[in-house]
Amino acid sequence: MQLLREGDTLKVTRLDRLSRSVLHLEALGAEVRERGIGLHVPPLSTT
């Protein structure tokens, strides 16, 4: 996260690879918004 700059996009394959708790995920989401970083997560499979 420290290497990301405004305008960058963080791509993850699954949300559980990014964070292990909802609280941590919420904090990371706030950080990327504040820093102007994009976040790309593929849609969740419901099958």
N, C-alpha and C. Protein backbone atom coordinates (compact mmCIF):
# COMPACT_ATOMS: atom_id res chain seq x y z
N MET A 1 0.82 -1.19 0.00
CA MET A 1 0.00 0.00 0.00
C MET A 1 0.86 1.26 0.00
N GLN A 2 2.01 1.20 0.61
CA GLN A 2 2.86 2.39 0.70
C GLN A 2 3.39 2.82 -0.66
N LEU A 3 3.53 1.89 -1.59
CA LEU A 3 4.08 2.21 -2.91
C LEU A 3 3.04 2.79 -3.85
N LEU A 4 1.76 2.64 -3.53
CA LEU A 4 0.70 3.14 -4.41
C LEU A 4 0.60 4.65 -4.33
N ARG A 5 0.34 5.24 -5.49
CA ARG A 5 0.21 6.70 -5.58
C ARG A 5 -1.15 7.05 -6.15
N GLU A 6 -1.52 8.30 -6.01
CA GLU A 6 -2.78 8.79 -6.56
C GLU A 6 -2.84 8.45 -8.05
N GLY A 7 -3.97 7.89 -8.47
CA GLY A 7 -4.16 7.49 -9.86
C GLY A 7 -3.83 6.03 -10.12
N ASP A 8 -3.11 5.37 -9.20
CA ASP A 8 -2.82 3.95 -9.34
C ASP A 8 -4.09 3.14 -9.08
N THR A 9 -4.08 1.88 -9.52
CA THR A 9 -5.18 0.97 -9.25
C THR A 9 -4.63 -0.29 -8.60
N LEU A 10 -5.19 -0.66 -7.47
CA LEU A 10 -4.84 -1.89 -6.78
C LEU A 10 -5.77 -2.98 -7.28
N LYS A 11 -5.21 -4.05 -7.84
CA LYS A 11 -6.01 -5.16 -8.34
C LYS A 11 -5.79 -6.37 -7.44
N VAL A 12 -6.88 -6.96 -6.99
CA VAL A 12 -6.79 -8.16 -6.16
C VAL A 12 -7.65 -9.25 -6.79
N THR A 13 -7.26 -10.50 -6.57
CA THR A 13 -8.01 -11.61 -7.14
C THR A 13 -9.22 -11.98 -6.28
N ARG A 14 -9.08 -11.80 -4.97
CA ARG A 14 -10.17 -12.09 -4.05
C ARG A 14 -10.04 -11.16 -2.84
N LEU A 15 -11.18 -10.75 -2.29
CA LEU A 15 -11.15 -9.84 -1.14
C LEU A 15 -10.44 -10.44 0.06
N ASP A 16 -10.52 -11.76 0.24
CA ASP A 16 -9.87 -12.36 1.40
C ASP A 16 -8.34 -12.33 1.27
N ARG A 17 -7.81 -12.03 0.09
CA ARG A 17 -6.37 -11.85 -0.09
C ARG A 17 -5.95 -10.45 0.33
N LEU A 18 -6.90 -9.53 0.36
CA LEU A 18 -6.62 -8.14 0.71
C LEU A 18 -6.75 -7.90 2.21
N SER A 19 -7.73 -8.53 2.83
CA SER A 19 -8.00 -8.28 4.24
C SER A 19 -8.63 -9.50 4.88
N ARG A 20 -8.35 -9.70 6.15
CA ARG A 20 -8.92 -10.85 6.86
C ARG A 20 -10.12 -10.49 7.72
N SER A 21 -10.41 -9.19 7.85
CA SER A 21 -11.58 -8.80 8.64
C SER A 21 -12.32 -7.67 7.94
N VAL A 22 -13.59 -7.56 8.23
CA VAL A 22 -14.41 -6.51 7.63
C VAL A 22 -13.93 -5.14 8.10
N LEU A 23 -13.54 -5.03 9.36
CA LEU A 23 -13.05 -3.75 9.88
C LEU A 23 -11.78 -3.29 9.16
N HIS A 24 -10.86 -4.21 8.93
CA HIS A 24 -9.63 -3.88 8.22
C HIS A 24 -9.94 -3.52 6.77
N LEU A 25 -10.86 -4.25 6.14
CA LEU A 25 -11.26 -3.96 4.76
C LEU A 25 -11.88 -2.57 4.67
N GLU A 26 -12.69 -2.22 5.64
CA GLU A 26 -13.30 -0.88 5.67
C GLU A 26 -12.23 0.20 5.79
N ALA A 27 -11.25 -0.02 6.64
CA ALA A 27 -10.16 0.95 6.80
C ALA A 27 -9.34 1.08 5.52
N LEU A 28 -9.07 -0.05 4.86
CA LEU A 28 -8.34 0.00 3.60
C LEU A 28 -9.13 0.73 2.53
N GLY A 29 -10.44 0.49 2.49
CA GLY A 29 -11.29 1.19 1.53
C GLY A 29 -11.25 2.69 1.74
N ALA A 30 -11.30 3.11 2.98
CA ALA A 30 -11.22 4.54 3.29
C ALA A 30 -9.87 5.10 2.87
N GLU A 31 -8.81 4.35 3.10
CA GLU A 31 -7.47 4.83 2.74
C GLU A 31 -7.33 4.99 1.23
N VAL A 32 -7.79 4.01 0.45
CA VAL A 32 -7.63 4.14 -1.00
C VAL A 32 -8.48 5.29 -1.54
N ARG A 33 -9.65 5.50 -0.97
CA ARG A 33 -10.48 6.64 -1.41
C ARG A 33 -9.78 7.96 -1.10
N GLU A 34 -9.28 8.09 0.12
CA GLU A 34 -8.61 9.33 0.54
C GLU A 34 -7.38 9.62 -0.30
N ARG A 35 -6.68 8.58 -0.70
CA ARG A 35 -5.44 8.75 -1.45
C ARG A 35 -5.66 8.78 -2.96
N GLY A 36 -6.89 8.60 -3.42
CA GLY A 36 -7.19 8.65 -4.85
C GLY A 36 -6.71 7.43 -5.61
N ILE A 37 -6.71 6.29 -4.94
CA ILE A 37 -6.26 5.03 -5.53
C ILE A 37 -7.49 4.22 -5.93
N GLY A 38 -7.44 3.63 -7.12
CA GLY A 38 -8.53 2.78 -7.57
C GLY A 38 -8.40 1.39 -6.97
N LEU A 39 -9.51 0.68 -6.89
CA LEU A 39 -9.52 -0.69 -6.38
C LEU A 39 -10.32 -1.54 -7.33
N HIS A 40 -9.70 -2.61 -7.85
CA HIS A 40 -10.38 -3.51 -8.77
C HIS A 40 -10.45 -4.89 -8.14
N VAL A 41 -11.68 -5.36 -7.93
CA VAL A 41 -11.93 -6.69 -7.39
C VAL A 41 -12.91 -7.37 -8.33
N PRO A 42 -12.61 -8.58 -8.83
CA PRO A 42 -13.56 -9.25 -9.72
C PRO A 42 -14.86 -9.56 -8.98
N PRO A 43 -15.96 -9.69 -9.73
CA PRO A 43 -17.25 -10.00 -9.09
C PRO A 43 -17.18 -11.31 -8.31
N LEU A 44 -17.96 -11.37 -7.23
CA LEU A 44 -18.03 -12.59 -6.44
C LEU A 44 -18.84 -13.64 -7.18
N SER A 45 -18.35 -14.87 -7.17
CA SER A 45 -19.08 -15.97 -7.79
C SER A 45 -20.17 -16.43 -6.83
N THR A 46 -21.36 -16.58 -7.34
CA THR A 46 -22.47 -17.05 -6.50
C THR A 46 -22.83 -18.49 -6.81
N THR A 47 -21.96 -19.18 -7.55
CA THR A 47 -22.24 -20.58 -7.89
C THR A 47 -21.47 -21.51 -7.01
